Amino acid sequence: MKATKVLETCLYVNDLDAAETFYREVIGLDFYAKQEGRHVFFRCGTSMFLLFDPKGTSDPTLPFGGHGSRGAGHAAFEIEEKEIQGWRDHLARHGVPITSETEWPSGGHSLYFHDPAGNVLEVATRSTWVWPDQIV
């Protein structure tokens, strides 16, 4: 048995409205669903990106077993090489400071910043990772 891709990933936020606005307007994700006090779901390519408020989702008696975490998480979004400067400009226009920038030995490039809940976000080029089809 082998998983073939990430179907969904989740971060935890303490203000769903601020997070929804940030992920729609700054990250550009497509809204999918929302339940007040509980979650906001987005489409990201062929995967789902979930934001949970741990106050409304951490109860282990819930049908899905409860979701809950405290502290900052991390997610990285893939961008094209030609979009690096565009992302720098886009984040600046939205008042989002870049906290770190990395050029990887593989040739990839990453920009790091925070969402309103303090999660560490990254936009990175695919070449940040060496993929099996690139190994010779």
N, C-alpha and C. Protein backbone atom coordinates (compact mmCIF):
# COMPACT_ATOMS: atom_id res chain seq x y z
N MET A 1 0.85 -1.17 0.00
CA MET A 1 0.00 0.00 0.00
C MET A 1 0.89 1.23 0.00
N LYS A 2 0.47 2.24 -0.76
CA LYS A 2 1.26 3.46 -0.85
C LYS A 2 0.33 4.64 -1.16
N ALA A 3 0.38 5.65 -0.31
CA ALA A 3 -0.38 6.88 -0.60
C ALA A 3 0.26 7.55 -1.82
N THR A 4 -0.55 8.18 -2.65
CA THR A 4 -0.04 8.75 -3.90
C THR A 4 0.03 10.27 -3.93
N LYS A 5 -0.68 10.93 -3.05
CA LYS A 5 -0.61 12.39 -2.98
C LYS A 5 -1.32 12.87 -1.73
N VAL A 6 -1.10 14.11 -1.36
CA VAL A 6 -1.80 14.69 -0.22
C VAL A 6 -3.17 15.14 -0.70
N LEU A 7 -4.21 14.60 -0.09
CA LEU A 7 -5.58 14.97 -0.45
C LEU A 7 -5.99 16.27 0.23
N GLU A 8 -5.63 16.38 1.49
CA GLU A 8 -5.95 17.60 2.23
C GLU A 8 -4.88 17.84 3.26
N THR A 9 -4.75 19.10 3.63
CA THR A 9 -3.88 19.47 4.74
C THR A 9 -4.61 20.53 5.55
N CYS A 10 -4.21 20.70 6.78
CA CYS A 10 -4.96 21.58 7.69
C CYS A 10 -4.03 22.41 8.55
N LEU A 11 -4.43 23.64 8.78
CA LEU A 11 -3.80 24.50 9.77
C LEU A 11 -4.88 24.94 10.75
N TYR A 12 -4.45 25.37 11.93
CA TYR A 12 -5.37 25.81 12.97
C TYR A 12 -5.25 27.32 13.14
N VAL A 13 -6.39 27.97 13.25
CA VAL A 13 -6.46 29.42 13.35
C VAL A 13 -7.43 29.82 14.45
N ASN A 14 -7.19 30.96 15.06
CA ASN A 14 -8.07 31.41 16.14
C ASN A 14 -9.09 32.43 15.67
N ASP A 15 -9.01 32.89 14.44
CA ASP A 15 -9.96 33.85 13.89
C ASP A 15 -10.29 33.42 12.46
N LEU A 16 -11.39 32.70 12.32
CA LEU A 16 -11.76 32.16 11.01
C LEU A 16 -12.02 33.24 9.97
N ASP A 17 -12.63 34.36 10.38
CA ASP A 17 -12.92 35.42 9.41
C ASP A 17 -11.63 36.04 8.86
N ALA A 18 -10.68 36.34 9.75
CA ALA A 18 -9.40 36.91 9.29
C ALA A 18 -8.67 35.90 8.42
N ALA A 19 -8.69 34.64 8.80
CA ALA A 19 -8.01 33.60 8.02
C ALA A 19 -8.67 33.44 6.65
N GLU A 20 -9.99 33.45 6.60
CA GLU A 20 -10.69 33.31 5.33
C GLU A 20 -10.30 34.44 4.37
N THR A 21 -10.30 35.65 4.88
CA THR A 21 -9.92 36.80 4.05
C THR A 21 -8.49 36.66 3.56
N PHE A 22 -7.57 36.31 4.45
CA PHE A 22 -6.16 36.17 4.10
C PHE A 22 -5.96 35.10 3.02
N TYR A 23 -6.54 33.94 3.21
CA TYR A 23 -6.30 32.84 2.27
C TYR A 23 -7.01 33.06 0.93
N ARG A 24 -8.10 33.81 0.94
CA ARG A 24 -8.75 34.18 -0.34
C ARG A 24 -7.96 35.25 -1.06
N GLU A 25 -7.66 36.36 -0.35
CA GLU A 25 -7.10 37.55 -0.99
C GLU A 25 -5.59 37.52 -1.17
N VAL A 26 -4.86 36.96 -0.20
CA VAL A 26 -3.40 36.96 -0.28
C VAL A 26 -2.90 35.69 -0.97
N ILE A 27 -3.37 34.54 -0.53
CA ILE A 27 -2.90 33.28 -1.11
C ILE A 27 -3.66 32.94 -2.39
N GLY A 28 -4.88 33.43 -2.55
CA GLY A 28 -5.64 33.22 -3.78
C GLY A 28 -6.32 31.87 -3.88
N LEU A 29 -6.62 31.26 -2.74
CA LEU A 29 -7.29 29.96 -2.78
C LEU A 29 -8.77 30.12 -3.09
N ASP A 30 -9.36 29.06 -3.65
CA ASP A 30 -10.77 29.05 -4.01
C ASP A 30 -11.61 28.55 -2.84
N PHE A 31 -12.53 29.39 -2.36
CA PHE A 31 -13.41 29.04 -1.25
C PHE A 31 -14.23 27.81 -1.61
N TYR A 32 -14.40 26.91 -0.63
CA TYR A 32 -15.20 25.71 -0.83
C TYR A 32 -16.38 25.65 0.14
N ALA A 33 -16.10 25.78 1.45
CA ALA A 33 -17.18 25.68 2.44
C ALA A 33 -16.74 26.34 3.74
N LYS A 34 -17.76 26.67 4.56
CA LYS A 34 -17.49 27.30 5.85
C LYS A 34 -18.57 26.89 6.84
N GLN A 35 -18.16 26.67 8.08
CA GLN A 35 -19.09 26.50 9.18
C GLN A 35 -18.62 27.41 10.30
N GLU A 36 -19.43 28.39 10.65
CA GLU A 36 -19.06 29.38 11.67
C GLU A 36 -18.55 28.71 12.94
N GLY A 37 -17.47 29.24 13.46
CA GLY A 37 -16.92 28.75 14.71
C GLY A 37 -16.21 27.41 14.60
N ARG A 38 -16.12 26.88 13.40
CA ARG A 38 -15.57 25.55 13.24
C ARG A 38 -14.49 25.44 12.19
N HIS A 39 -14.81 25.80 10.93
CA HIS A 39 -13.84 25.61 9.85
C HIS A 39 -14.13 26.46 8.62
N VAL A 40 -13.10 26.62 7.79
CA VAL A 40 -13.20 27.16 6.44
C VAL A 40 -12.38 26.22 5.56
N PHE A 41 -12.98 25.79 4.43
CA PHE A 41 -12.30 24.89 3.51
C PHE A 41 -12.07 25.60 2.18
N PHE A 42 -10.90 25.33 1.57
CA PHE A 42 -10.53 25.89 0.28
C PHE A 42 -10.05 24.79 -0.65
N ARG A 43 -10.20 25.02 -1.95
CA ARG A 43 -9.56 24.17 -2.95
C ARG A 43 -8.20 24.79 -3.27
N CYS A 44 -7.21 23.93 -3.45
CA CYS A 44 -5.87 24.35 -3.87
C CYS A 44 -5.42 23.35 -4.93
N GLY A 45 -5.60 23.72 -6.19
CA GLY A 45 -5.31 22.77 -7.26
C GLY A 45 -6.24 21.57 -7.12
N THR A 46 -5.67 20.38 -7.03
CA THR A 46 -6.47 19.16 -6.89
C THR A 46 -6.52 18.68 -5.45
N SER A 47 -6.14 19.52 -4.51
CA SER A 47 -6.16 19.17 -3.09
C SER A 47 -7.05 20.15 -2.32
N MET A 48 -7.31 19.80 -1.08
CA MET A 48 -8.10 20.66 -0.20
C MET A 48 -7.19 21.22 0.89
N PHE A 49 -7.43 22.49 1.23
CA PHE A 49 -6.69 23.18 2.28
C PHE A 49 -7.71 23.57 3.33
N LEU A 50 -7.57 23.04 4.54
CA LEU A 50 -8.55 23.22 5.60
C LEU A 50 -8.00 24.12 6.70
N LEU A 51 -8.86 24.97 7.21
CA LEU A 51 -8.54 25.80 8.37
C LEU A 51 -9.55 25.48 9.46
N PHE A 52 -9.07 25.03 10.61
CA PHE A 52 -9.94 24.69 11.73
C PHE A 52 -9.69 25.65 12.88
N ASP A 53 -10.77 26.00 13.57
CA ASP A 53 -10.66 26.70 14.84
C ASP A 53 -10.65 25.61 15.91
N PRO A 54 -9.55 25.42 16.62
CA PRO A 54 -9.49 24.31 17.57
C PRO A 54 -10.53 24.39 18.68
N LYS A 55 -11.04 25.58 18.98
CA LYS A 55 -12.08 25.70 20.01
C LYS A 55 -13.35 24.96 19.57
N GLY A 56 -13.60 24.91 18.26
CA GLY A 56 -14.82 24.29 17.77
C GLY A 56 -14.63 22.91 17.18
N THR A 57 -13.40 22.41 17.15
CA THR A 57 -13.17 21.13 16.47
C THR A 57 -12.37 20.12 17.28
N SER A 58 -11.97 20.44 18.50
CA SER A 58 -11.07 19.55 19.24
C SER A 58 -11.78 18.51 20.10
N ASP A 59 -13.08 18.51 20.15
CA ASP A 59 -13.82 17.55 20.96
C ASP A 59 -13.66 16.13 20.40
N PRO A 60 -13.03 15.21 21.14
CA PRO A 60 -12.78 13.86 20.61
C PRO A 60 -14.04 13.03 20.41
N THR A 61 -15.20 13.48 20.93
CA THR A 61 -16.44 12.72 20.73
C THR A 61 -17.12 13.06 19.40
N LEU A 62 -16.56 14.04 18.66
CA LEU A 62 -17.14 14.39 17.36
C LEU A 62 -16.98 13.21 16.40
N PRO A 63 -17.87 13.09 15.40
CA PRO A 63 -17.84 11.93 14.50
C PRO A 63 -16.49 11.68 13.82
N PHE A 64 -15.71 12.71 13.58
CA PHE A 64 -14.43 12.55 12.89
C PHE A 64 -13.27 12.41 13.89
N GLY A 65 -13.57 12.26 15.16
CA GLY A 65 -12.54 12.07 16.17
C GLY A 65 -11.97 13.34 16.74
N GLY A 66 -12.38 14.46 16.25
CA GLY A 66 -11.87 15.74 16.74
C GLY A 66 -10.57 16.12 16.07
N HIS A 67 -10.47 17.38 15.76
CA HIS A 67 -9.26 17.96 15.21
C HIS A 67 -8.87 19.09 16.15
N GLY A 68 -7.63 19.15 16.53
CA GLY A 68 -7.22 20.24 17.39
C GLY A 68 -5.73 20.27 17.56
N SER A 69 -5.21 21.45 17.56
CA SER A 69 -3.78 21.64 17.73
C SER A 69 -3.57 23.05 18.27
N ARG A 70 -2.47 23.24 18.92
CA ARG A 70 -2.11 24.57 19.41
C ARG A 70 -0.72 24.90 18.90
N GLY A 71 -0.48 26.16 18.65
CA GLY A 71 0.82 26.58 18.18
C GLY A 71 0.85 26.66 16.67
N ALA A 72 1.91 27.29 16.19
CA ALA A 72 2.03 27.54 14.75
C ALA A 72 2.31 26.26 13.98
N GLY A 73 1.68 26.17 12.81
CA GLY A 73 1.95 25.09 11.87
C GLY A 73 2.67 25.65 10.66
N HIS A 74 2.79 24.84 9.64
CA HIS A 74 3.49 25.23 8.42
C HIS A 74 2.81 24.61 7.22
N ALA A 75 2.74 25.37 6.15
CA ALA A 75 2.28 24.87 4.85
C ALA A 75 3.06 25.60 3.77
N ALA A 76 3.37 24.90 2.71
CA ALA A 76 4.07 25.49 1.57
C ALA A 76 3.19 25.34 0.33
N PHE A 77 3.13 26.40 -0.47
CA PHE A 77 2.36 26.42 -1.70
C PHE A 77 3.32 26.51 -2.87
N GLU A 78 3.07 25.70 -3.88
CA GLU A 78 3.95 25.70 -5.05
C GLU A 78 3.67 26.90 -5.95
N ILE A 79 4.76 27.53 -6.41
CA ILE A 79 4.67 28.63 -7.37
C ILE A 79 5.64 28.36 -8.51
N GLU A 80 5.48 29.09 -9.59
CA GLU A 80 6.37 28.99 -10.74
C GLU A 80 7.62 29.84 -10.50
N GLU A 81 8.73 29.43 -11.08
CA GLU A 81 9.98 30.18 -10.96
C GLU A 81 9.79 31.66 -11.35
N LYS A 82 9.06 31.88 -12.43
CA LYS A 82 8.88 33.24 -12.94
C LYS A 82 8.00 34.11 -12.04
N GLU A 83 7.39 33.52 -11.01
CA GLU A 83 6.48 34.26 -10.13
C GLU A 83 7.12 34.78 -8.85
N ILE A 84 8.39 34.49 -8.63
CA ILE A 84 9.03 34.86 -7.36
C ILE A 84 8.90 36.36 -7.08
N GLN A 85 9.32 37.21 -8.02
CA GLN A 85 9.24 38.65 -7.80
C GLN A 85 7.78 39.10 -7.68
N GLY A 86 6.92 38.51 -8.46
CA GLY A 86 5.50 38.83 -8.37
C GLY A 86 4.94 38.56 -6.99
N TRP A 87 5.37 37.45 -6.36
CA TRP A 87 4.93 37.14 -5.00
C TRP A 87 5.51 38.13 -4.00
N ARG A 88 6.77 38.51 -4.18
CA ARG A 88 7.34 39.54 -3.28
C ARG A 88 6.47 40.80 -3.31
N ASP A 89 6.15 41.24 -4.53
CA ASP A 89 5.35 42.46 -4.71
C ASP A 89 3.95 42.28 -4.15
N HIS A 90 3.34 41.13 -4.42
CA HIS A 90 1.97 40.84 -3.97
C HIS A 90 1.89 40.86 -2.44
N LEU A 91 2.83 40.20 -1.79
CA LEU A 91 2.84 40.18 -0.32
C LEU A 91 3.04 41.59 0.23
N ALA A 92 3.92 42.37 -0.37
CA ALA A 92 4.16 43.75 0.08
C ALA A 92 2.90 44.58 -0.06
N ARG A 93 2.18 44.44 -1.18
CA ARG A 93 0.93 45.20 -1.39
C ARG A 93 -0.10 44.88 -0.32
N HIS A 94 -0.07 43.65 0.20
CA HIS A 94 -1.03 43.24 1.22
C HIS A 94 -0.49 43.44 2.63
N GLY A 95 0.69 44.08 2.74
CA GLY A 95 1.26 44.36 4.06
C GLY A 95 1.75 43.12 4.79
N VAL A 96 2.11 42.09 4.03
CA VAL A 96 2.59 40.84 4.62
C VAL A 96 4.12 40.80 4.49
N PRO A 97 4.84 40.95 5.60
CA PRO A 97 6.30 40.95 5.51
C PRO A 97 6.86 39.55 5.24
N ILE A 98 7.85 39.49 4.39
CA ILE A 98 8.58 38.25 4.15
C ILE A 98 9.57 38.12 5.30
N THR A 99 9.51 37.02 6.03
CA THR A 99 10.38 36.82 7.19
C THR A 99 11.69 36.15 6.83
N SER A 100 11.71 35.46 5.70
CA SER A 100 12.92 34.76 5.27
C SER A 100 12.79 34.42 3.79
N GLU A 101 13.94 34.32 3.15
CA GLU A 101 13.99 33.95 1.74
C GLU A 101 15.16 32.99 1.58
N THR A 102 14.95 31.87 0.89
CA THR A 102 15.98 30.86 0.76
C THR A 102 16.14 30.42 -0.68
N GLU A 103 17.39 30.34 -1.11
CA GLU A 103 17.72 29.70 -2.39
C GLU A 103 18.32 28.35 -2.02
N TRP A 104 17.70 27.28 -2.50
CA TRP A 104 18.08 25.92 -2.12
C TRP A 104 19.17 25.39 -3.03
N PRO A 105 20.01 24.46 -2.53
CA PRO A 105 21.06 23.85 -3.36
C PRO A 105 20.51 23.19 -4.62
N SER A 106 19.26 22.76 -4.57
CA SER A 106 18.63 22.12 -5.73
C SER A 106 18.24 23.12 -6.81
N GLY A 107 18.36 24.43 -6.49
CA GLY A 107 17.98 25.47 -7.43
C GLY A 107 16.63 26.09 -7.12
N GLY A 108 15.93 25.56 -6.13
CA GLY A 108 14.62 26.09 -5.76
C GLY A 108 14.72 27.38 -4.98
N HIS A 109 13.59 28.03 -4.82
CA HIS A 109 13.52 29.31 -4.14
C HIS A 109 12.27 29.32 -3.26
N SER A 110 12.41 29.81 -2.02
CA SER A 110 11.29 29.88 -1.07
C SER A 110 11.20 31.27 -0.46
N LEU A 111 9.96 31.73 -0.28
CA LEU A 111 9.66 32.93 0.48
C LEU A 111 8.82 32.49 1.69
N TYR A 112 9.17 32.97 2.87
CA TYR A 112 8.46 32.61 4.09
C TYR A 112 7.78 33.85 4.68
N PHE A 113 6.59 33.63 5.26
CA PHE A 113 5.81 34.70 5.87
C PHE A 113 4.79 34.06 6.79
N HIS A 114 4.01 34.87 7.50
CA HIS A 114 3.04 34.36 8.46
C HIS A 114 1.61 34.71 8.05
N ASP A 115 0.69 33.84 8.42
CA ASP A 115 -0.73 34.16 8.27
C ASP A 115 -1.18 34.89 9.53
N PRO A 116 -2.43 35.38 9.59
CA PRO A 116 -2.88 36.13 10.77
C PRO A 116 -2.82 35.35 12.08
N ALA A 117 -2.83 34.00 12.00
CA ALA A 117 -2.79 33.18 13.22
C ALA A 117 -1.36 32.85 13.63
N GLY A 118 -0.37 33.28 12.85
CA GLY A 118 1.02 33.01 13.18
C GLY A 118 1.59 31.75 12.54
N ASN A 119 0.79 31.07 11.71
CA ASN A 119 1.31 29.91 11.00
C ASN A 119 2.38 30.36 10.02
N VAL A 120 3.42 29.55 9.84
CA VAL A 120 4.50 29.86 8.92
C VAL A 120 4.12 29.33 7.55
N LEU A 121 4.00 30.26 6.61
CA LEU A 121 3.66 29.89 5.24
C LEU A 121 4.87 30.06 4.35
N GLU A 122 4.86 29.32 3.26
CA GLU A 122 5.96 29.35 2.31
C GLU A 122 5.36 29.26 0.92
N VAL A 123 5.86 30.08 0.02
CA VAL A 123 5.62 29.85 -1.41
C VAL A 123 6.97 29.41 -1.95
N ALA A 124 6.97 28.30 -2.67
CA ALA A 124 8.22 27.70 -3.10
C ALA A 124 8.11 27.15 -4.51
N THR A 125 9.20 27.20 -5.22
CA THR A 125 9.25 26.62 -6.56
C THR A 125 9.40 25.11 -6.44
N ARG A 126 8.89 24.40 -7.41
CA ARG A 126 8.94 22.93 -7.39
C ARG A 126 10.37 22.42 -7.28
N SER A 127 11.32 23.15 -7.83
CA SER A 127 12.71 22.71 -7.80
C SER A 127 13.35 22.81 -6.41
N THR A 128 12.57 23.23 -5.41
CA THR A 128 13.04 23.20 -4.03
C THR A 128 13.37 21.76 -3.64
N TRP A 129 12.63 20.82 -4.20
CA TRP A 129 12.82 19.40 -3.95
C TRP A 129 13.38 18.74 -5.20
N VAL A 130 14.24 17.75 -5.01
CA VAL A 130 14.71 16.94 -6.13
C VAL A 130 13.73 15.77 -6.25
N TRP A 131 13.05 15.70 -7.40
CA TRP A 131 12.02 14.68 -7.63
C TRP A 131 12.67 13.48 -8.32
N PRO A 132 12.13 12.29 -8.09
CA PRO A 132 12.73 11.07 -8.65
C PRO A 132 12.99 11.15 -10.16
N ASP A 133 12.12 11.78 -10.91
CA ASP A 133 12.31 11.88 -12.36
C ASP A 133 13.45 12.82 -12.73
N GLN A 134 14.00 13.57 -11.74
CA GLN A 134 15.12 14.47 -12.00
C GLN A 134 16.46 13.83 -11.68
N ILE A 135 16.42 12.67 -11.02
CA ILE A 135 17.67 12.00 -10.64
C ILE A 135 18.22 11.25 -11.84
N VAL A 136 19.50 11.47 -12.15
CA VAL A 136 20.12 10.77 -13.28
C VAL A 136 21.25 9.88 -12.81
